[in-house]
Protein backbone atom coordinates (compact mmCIF):
# COMPACT_ATOMS: atom_id res chain seq x y z
CA MET A 1 125.01 71.02 73.02
CA ASP A 2 126.47 74.03 71.21
CA LYS A 3 127.26 74.17 67.52
CA PHE A 4 130.92 73.31 68.08
CA ASN A 5 130.03 69.84 69.33
CA LYS A 6 127.40 68.99 66.73
CA ASN A 7 128.59 66.75 63.93
CA LEU A 8 126.85 66.52 60.56
CA ILE A 9 127.82 64.13 57.77
CA ILE A 10 126.28 64.94 54.39
CA PHE A 11 126.30 61.88 52.13
CA MET A 12 126.49 62.45 48.36
CA PRO A 13 128.67 59.79 46.64
CA SER A 14 128.33 61.08 43.08
CA ILE A 15 128.51 64.86 42.54
CA ASP A 16 128.10 65.69 38.85
CA GLY A 17 126.88 69.29 38.77
CA GLY A 18 123.11 68.94 38.20
CA GLY A 19 120.10 70.37 40.03
CA VAL A 20 120.47 68.10 43.07
CA GLU A 21 124.07 69.18 43.40
CA LYS A 22 123.10 72.87 43.32
CA ASN A 23 120.90 72.27 46.34
CA LEU A 24 123.74 70.38 48.02
CA PHE A 25 126.12 73.34 47.60
CA ILE A 26 123.54 75.89 48.75
CA LEU A 27 122.49 73.97 51.86
CA SER A 28 125.97 72.83 52.92
CA ASN A 29 127.30 76.37 52.82
CA TYR A 30 124.23 77.75 54.60
CA LEU A 31 124.42 75.12 57.37
CA LYS A 32 128.10 75.93 57.92
CA LYS A 33 126.96 79.16 59.59
CA PHE A 34 125.34 77.10 62.35
CA PHE A 35 127.35 73.88 62.59
CA THR A 36 131.15 73.92 62.78
CA ASN A 37 131.74 70.22 62.15
CA ILE A 38 130.32 69.44 58.71
CA LYS A 39 131.76 66.71 56.51
CA ILE A 40 130.79 65.89 52.93
CA VAL A 41 131.33 62.25 52.04
CA THR A 42 131.71 61.88 48.28
CA PHE A 43 133.72 59.83 45.79
CA ASP A 44 136.00 62.55 44.42
CA ASP A 45 136.82 66.19 45.07
CA ARG A 46 136.18 67.75 41.64
CA PHE A 47 133.62 70.14 43.12
CA LYS A 48 135.52 70.97 46.29
CA TYR A 49 135.68 74.62 45.21
CA LYS A 50 131.88 74.87 45.51
CA PHE A 51 131.96 74.34 49.28
CA ASP A 52 132.91 76.66 52.11
CA LYS A 53 136.61 76.13 52.84
CA LYS A 54 135.80 75.14 56.43
CA ILE A 55 133.68 72.19 55.29
CA GLN A 56 135.71 68.98 55.32
CA ILE A 57 135.52 66.90 52.14
CA ILE A 58 135.96 63.17 52.76
CA ASN A 59 136.69 61.61 49.37
CA PHE A 60 138.31 58.54 47.84
CA LEU A 61 139.89 60.01 44.71
CA SER A 62 141.03 63.40 43.49
CA LYS A 63 139.93 64.23 39.93
CA PRO A 64 139.43 60.65 38.62
CA LYS A 65 140.72 59.98 35.11
CA LYS A 66 138.08 57.37 34.28
CA LYS A 67 134.39 56.82 34.94
CA TYR A 68 133.20 54.61 37.79
CA THR A 69 129.79 53.02 38.17
CA LYS A 70 127.25 54.49 40.55
CA TYR A 71 127.26 51.37 42.72
CA TYR A 72 131.04 51.31 43.03
CA LYS A 73 130.92 54.93 44.22
CA TYR A 74 128.19 54.05 46.71
CA PHE A 75 130.16 51.12 48.14
CA ILE A 76 133.37 53.11 48.58
CA CYS A 77 131.55 56.07 50.12
CA PHE A 78 129.65 53.85 52.56
CA LEU A 79 133.01 52.60 53.84
CA LEU A 80 134.24 56.18 54.16
CA PHE A 81 131.24 57.43 56.10
CA LEU A 82 131.09 54.37 58.40
CA ARG A 83 134.70 55.12 59.26
CA GLU A 84 133.72 58.69 60.11
CA LEU A 85 130.81 57.51 62.25
CA LYS A 86 133.19 55.39 64.34
CA LYS A 87 135.27 58.47 65.12
CA LYS A 88 132.43 60.62 66.43
CA LYS A 89 128.67 60.29 66.77
CA SER A 90 127.00 62.27 63.97
CA LEU A 91 123.73 62.94 62.24
CA VAL A 92 123.80 61.71 58.64
CA PHE A 93 122.00 63.73 55.98
CA ALA A 94 121.64 61.61 52.83
CA PHE A 95 121.31 63.46 49.54
CA GLN A 96 121.74 60.25 47.53
CA ALA A 97 121.52 56.45 47.92
CA ASN A 98 118.75 57.00 50.45
CA ILE A 99 117.50 53.44 50.74
CA TYR A 100 121.02 52.09 51.31
CA CYS A 101 121.56 54.71 54.01
CA CYS A 102 118.26 53.68 55.62
CA PHE A 103 119.45 50.08 55.80
CA LEU A 104 122.78 51.12 57.36
CA ALA A 105 121.00 53.42 59.84
CA TRP A 106 118.86 50.47 60.91
CA LEU A 107 121.92 48.20 61.10
CA PHE A 108 124.29 50.58 62.92
CA ASN A 109 121.71 52.68 64.78
CA PHE A 110 122.65 56.22 63.79
CA ASN A 111 120.35 59.19 63.26
CA LEU A 112 119.48 59.77 59.60
CA ILE A 113 117.64 62.38 57.55
CA THR A 114 117.09 61.74 53.84
CA ARG A 115 116.23 64.05 50.97
CA SER A 116 114.37 62.46 48.06
CA ASN A 117 115.12 64.09 44.73
CA SER A 118 112.64 62.66 42.23
CA SER A 119 109.10 61.36 42.08
CA PRO A 120 108.52 57.71 43.09
CA SER A 121 107.00 57.28 39.62
CA GLY A 122 110.54 57.04 38.31
CA TRP A 123 112.01 54.54 40.76
CA THR A 124 109.28 52.30 42.21
CA THR A 125 108.24 50.06 39.34
CA ASN A 126 109.56 46.91 41.03
CA ILE A 127 107.17 45.23 43.52
CA PHE A 128 110.02 43.84 45.64
CA LYS A 129 111.67 47.28 45.83
CA ASN A 130 108.37 48.81 46.90
CA ILE A 131 108.12 46.41 49.84
CA ILE A 132 111.70 47.19 50.91
CA PHE A 133 111.11 50.93 50.58
CA LYS A 134 107.91 50.75 52.61
CA ILE A 135 109.89 49.21 55.48
CA LEU A 136 113.12 51.19 55.28
CA LEU A 137 111.63 54.65 54.70
CA LYS A 138 110.32 54.47 58.27
CA VAL A 139 113.91 54.37 59.60
CA PRO A 140 114.96 58.04 59.00
CA LYS A 141 114.07 60.72 61.52
CA ALA A 142 112.71 62.68 58.56
CA VAL A 143 112.25 62.21 54.81
CA ILE A 144 112.46 65.56 53.01
CA VAL A 145 110.72 66.17 49.69
CA ASN A 146 110.57 69.34 47.60
CA SER A 147 107.03 69.64 46.18
CA LYS A 148 103.46 69.22 47.41
CA SER A 149 102.59 66.65 44.76
CA PHE A 150 105.81 64.76 45.57
CA LYS A 151 104.84 64.67 49.26
CA LYS A 152 101.35 63.39 48.49
CA GLU A 153 102.72 60.70 46.20
CA ILE A 154 105.46 59.38 48.51
CA ASP A 155 103.32 59.57 51.66
CA ASN A 156 100.48 57.59 50.09
CA LYS A 157 102.78 55.02 48.50
CA PHE A 158 104.91 54.28 51.56
CA ASN A 159 102.65 55.31 54.44
CA ILE A 160 105.02 57.94 55.84
CA ASN A 161 104.73 61.63 56.76
CA SER A 162 107.45 63.35 54.75
CA LYS A 163 108.59 66.93 55.32
CA LEU A 164 108.04 69.43 52.50
CA ILE A 165 110.78 72.02 51.96
CA TYR A 166 111.01 73.83 48.64
CA ASN A 167 114.36 74.21 46.87
CA PRO A 168 116.08 77.41 48.09
CA LEU A 169 116.58 79.74 45.14
CA ASN A 170 119.52 82.15 45.20
CA LEU A 171 118.19 84.90 42.92
CA GLU A 172 121.17 87.18 43.46
CA GLU A 173 123.66 84.53 42.35
CA ILE A 174 121.59 83.69 39.26
CA ARG A 175 121.39 87.35 38.22
CA LEU A 176 125.12 87.94 38.74
CA LYS A 177 126.22 84.84 36.84
CA SER A 178 123.80 85.48 33.99
CA ASN A 179 125.63 88.76 33.34
CA ASP A 180 129.01 87.10 32.75
CA ASN A 181 130.51 87.83 29.34
CA LEU A 182 129.54 85.34 26.63
CA ASN A 183 130.52 85.43 22.98
CA PHE A 184 127.81 83.18 21.55
CA ASN A 185 126.24 83.88 18.16
CA PHE A 186 124.30 80.64 17.64
CA PHE A 187 120.92 82.38 18.15
CA LYS A 188 121.68 85.30 15.82
CA LYS A 189 118.65 86.30 13.65
CA THR A 190 116.50 83.56 15.20
CA LYS A 191 112.92 84.22 16.32
CA ILE A 192 112.53 81.24 18.68
CA ARG A 193 115.70 80.82 20.75
CA ALA A 194 115.02 77.62 22.69
CA ILE A 195 117.20 76.04 25.37
CA ASN A 196 117.20 72.86 27.42
CA VAL A 197 119.59 72.18 30.32
CA ALA A 198 119.52 68.59 31.59
CA ARG A 199 121.46 65.36 31.94
CA PHE A 200 121.44 63.20 28.80
CA THR A 201 119.42 60.35 30.30
CA ASP A 202 116.19 58.51 29.47
CA GLN A 203 114.47 60.41 32.32
CA LYS A 204 114.95 63.73 30.49
CA ASP A 205 113.55 62.33 27.20
CA HIS A 206 115.55 64.48 24.79
CA LEU A 207 114.36 62.37 21.86
CA THR A 208 110.85 63.87 22.11
CA LEU A 209 112.40 67.34 22.11
CA LEU A 210 114.50 66.57 19.04
CA LYS A 211 111.49 65.11 17.20
CA ALA A 212 109.47 68.26 17.96
CA LEU A 213 112.28 70.40 16.53
CA LYS A 214 112.31 68.32 13.37
CA ILE A 215 108.57 68.91 12.91
CA LEU A 216 109.04 72.67 13.32
CA ILE A 217 112.05 72.89 11.02
CA ASP A 218 110.32 70.78 8.36
CA ASN A 219 107.54 73.37 8.51
CA LYS A 220 110.00 76.28 8.04
CA ILE A 221 109.59 77.64 11.59
CA ASN A 222 112.42 80.02 12.51
CA ILE A 223 113.82 78.21 15.55
CA LYS A 224 117.13 77.06 16.97
CA LEU A 225 117.71 74.83 19.98
CA LEU A 226 120.64 74.76 22.39
CA ILE A 227 120.99 71.73 24.68
CA ILE A 228 123.46 71.79 27.59
CA GLY A 229 124.29 68.74 29.67
CA TYR A 230 126.16 65.47 29.98
CA GLY A 231 125.35 61.77 30.06
CA ALA A 232 125.11 58.41 28.35
CA ASN A 233 122.54 59.42 25.69
CA LYS A 234 124.70 62.05 24.02
CA GLU A 235 125.70 59.83 21.09
CA LYS A 236 122.05 58.89 20.43
CA MET A 237 121.14 62.57 20.35
CA LEU A 238 124.01 63.45 18.01
CA SER A 239 123.06 60.55 15.75
CA PHE A 240 119.45 61.80 15.49
CA ILE A 241 120.65 65.32 14.69
CA LYS A 242 123.04 64.07 12.01
CA THR A 243 120.55 61.64 10.43
CA ASN A 244 117.89 64.35 10.18
CA LYS A 245 120.34 67.05 9.01
CA LEU A 246 119.60 69.34 11.93
CA ASN A 247 123.22 70.34 12.67
CA LYS A 248 122.65 74.01 11.83
CA LYS A 249 119.51 74.22 13.97
CA ILE A 250 120.47 72.25 17.07
CA LYS A 251 123.66 72.64 19.10
CA ILE A 252 124.74 70.41 21.99
CA LEU A 253 127.21 71.70 24.56
CA ASN A 254 128.79 69.76 27.40
CA PHE A 255 128.01 70.64 31.02
CA LYS A 256 128.77 74.28 31.85
CA LYS A 257 129.69 75.63 35.28
CA ASN A 258 127.57 78.67 34.44
CA SER A 259 124.51 77.82 32.34
CA TYR A 260 122.70 81.03 33.36
CA LYS A 261 124.49 83.19 30.77
CA TYR A 262 123.30 80.78 28.05
CA ILE A 263 119.73 80.75 29.35
CA LYS A 264 119.82 84.55 29.26
CA LYS A 265 120.47 84.42 25.49
CA SER A 266 117.29 82.37 24.93
CA ASN A 267 113.63 83.36 25.01
CA LEU A 268 112.13 79.89 25.55
CA PHE A 269 113.06 77.15 28.03
CA ILE A 270 111.84 73.61 27.29
CA LEU A 271 111.75 70.64 29.69
CA THR A 272 110.72 67.19 28.42
CA SER A 273 111.31 65.05 31.53
CA LEU A 274 109.33 61.90 32.24
CA TYR A 275 109.54 62.49 35.99
CA GLU A 276 111.15 64.99 38.35
CA GLY A 277 111.02 66.12 41.98
CA LEU A 278 111.01 69.89 41.75
CA PRO A 279 113.15 70.79 38.72
CA ASN A 280 115.52 73.56 39.81
CA VAL A 281 116.18 74.52 36.21
CA LEU A 282 112.58 75.72 35.76
CA LEU A 283 112.97 78.05 38.74
CA GLU A 284 116.21 79.37 37.25
CA ALA A 285 114.55 79.98 33.88
CA MET A 286 111.71 81.83 35.63
CA ALA A 287 114.28 83.89 37.57
CA LEU A 288 115.76 84.96 34.23
CA LYS A 289 112.27 85.74 32.88
CA LYS A 290 112.15 83.07 30.19
CA TYR A 291 108.90 81.52 28.99
CA ILE A 292 108.64 77.83 29.89
CA ILE A 293 107.13 74.85 28.11
CA SER A 294 107.34 71.69 30.22
CA THR A 295 105.96 68.20 30.25
CA ASP A 296 103.27 67.72 32.86
CA CYS A 297 105.36 65.03 34.52
CA PRO A 298 105.27 63.86 38.12
CA THR A 299 106.26 65.87 40.08
CA GLY A 300 106.99 69.61 40.16
CA PRO A 301 106.29 71.33 36.81
CA ARG A 302 102.53 71.69 37.33
CA GLU A 303 103.15 73.07 40.84
CA ILE A 304 105.87 75.49 39.67
CA LEU A 305 103.83 76.70 36.69
CA LYS A 306 100.58 76.81 38.71
CA SER A 307 98.71 74.46 36.34
CA GLY A 308 99.76 76.47 33.28
CA LYS A 309 99.33 80.01 34.60
CA TYR A 310 103.09 80.67 34.52
CA GLY A 311 103.95 78.66 31.38
CA SER A 312 102.73 75.81 29.21
CA LEU A 313 102.29 72.15 30.14
CA VAL A 314 102.25 69.30 27.60
CA LYS A 315 101.68 65.56 27.78
CA LEU A 316 104.67 63.26 28.08
CA LYS A 317 106.30 61.81 24.95
CA ASN A 318 104.18 63.82 22.52
CA GLU A 319 106.35 65.69 20.04
CA LYS A 320 103.36 66.93 18.00
CA LEU A 321 101.77 68.68 20.98
CA LEU A 322 105.14 70.07 22.00
CA ALA A 323 105.71 71.47 18.51
CA GLN A 324 102.23 73.02 18.58
CA LYS A 325 102.91 74.69 21.95
CA ILE A 326 106.14 76.15 20.58
CA ILE A 327 104.23 77.60 17.60
CA GLU A 328 101.63 79.07 20.00
CA PHE A 329 104.47 80.65 22.01
CA SER A 330 105.87 82.29 18.87
CA LYS A 331 102.48 83.82 18.03
CA SER A 332 101.39 84.86 21.52
CA LYS A 333 101.25 88.53 22.51
CA ASN A 334 100.89 87.61 26.18
CA ILE A 335 104.40 86.28 26.88
CA LYS A 336 105.74 89.24 28.89
CA LYS A 337 102.72 89.19 31.21
CA VAL A 338 103.16 85.46 31.84
CA VAL A 339 106.91 85.62 32.55
CA ASP A 340 106.41 88.62 34.86
CA LEU A 341 103.75 86.73 36.84
CA ALA A 342 106.03 83.69 36.98
CA TYR A 343 108.90 85.80 38.30
CA LYS A 344 106.71 87.31 41.03
CA SER A 345 105.67 83.80 42.15
CA LEU A 346 109.26 82.86 43.08
CA GLY A 347 108.79 84.05 46.67
CA ARG A 348 107.73 80.48 47.48
CA PHE A 349 111.33 79.42 46.91
CA ASP A 350 112.98 82.18 48.95
CA TYR A 351 116.58 81.30 49.79
CA ASP A 352 116.65 82.28 53.49
CA TYR A 353 113.18 80.98 54.29
CA ASN A 354 113.70 77.50 52.85
CA CYS A 355 117.31 77.14 54.05
CA SER A 356 116.15 78.02 57.58
CA LYS A 357 113.54 75.25 57.40
CA TYR A 358 116.34 72.77 56.66
CA TYR A 359 118.37 74.13 59.57
CA LYS A 360 115.49 73.87 62.05
CA LEU A 361 114.74 70.27 61.03
CA ILE A 362 118.38 69.16 61.17
CA ASN A 363 118.99 70.95 64.48
CA LYS A 364 116.09 69.01 65.97
CA PHE A 365 117.85 65.66 65.49
CA ILE A 366 121.57 66.45 65.54
């Protein structure tokens, strides 16, 4: 069967612009070179401009004026993609709602590949869910994960043999976008110019980051912190900043289409997540030669930073240790050597190499 007769449905109900979405855009556009009939099933078309114009977007709404729950989006998008399956036999590539897709694949007997985005540590605390996952994760033709530690964790927990493919990193795009004009004076005359880019959720644990900043500022450390993102915890974060009179030292910006030009203005990237998969944002910070301090969370940071060789790792939920690591960063004379080594290590995440691994796997089952 040639590429003109192969049909691929990529399932991603909720596209919000985070790290998972960046991989969605990269892979969809890469796969378009090989498969003519690609459809993205999603709830709305706000990010339509990110996809190749020849990719068909199957959506329910255009630029929604209110927020909808995750489960409502899932339900609507399941109806949309089942309708598409009836039209023409297709391989389904699930970027989201994997376990629901597994159930539907079992029920309606279609070929499915799933991509898991975050460590099971974050979503398998329920015994009943674990039993269901252990059964349904055997349905897909392949379960893709994006780090070695992630693979080990999910394989052992659910008795499967997942496929490891690192996140493809588009270094050229990152460099180009980081050079866009930006009039931003927040970091002026600041020694430690720290930045965090993440959704405002419990998973990202911004409260520990804010507490660490309070410790440093109380001790007269010359630091400012920029946080870029979106999410339900924004008001909690703003309340902490206001209560502790940190308004002049910490700035929160809503999600930016181009965060690279802000990262470029910093000299320190901080991640405080409780769990991850393979955090894209650390790779981007390394690509822009920024020093990284990250929690040693499951999974990804330890692998990316090679157990601390390419940056610093700290325990979860420990603002005192985080503050101490930031002080050590400010005093270190070895920063340039570390960030240069980190940059050279990015070959593992080569764009063409990892995208081609996705293509070969998908082509096997389509």
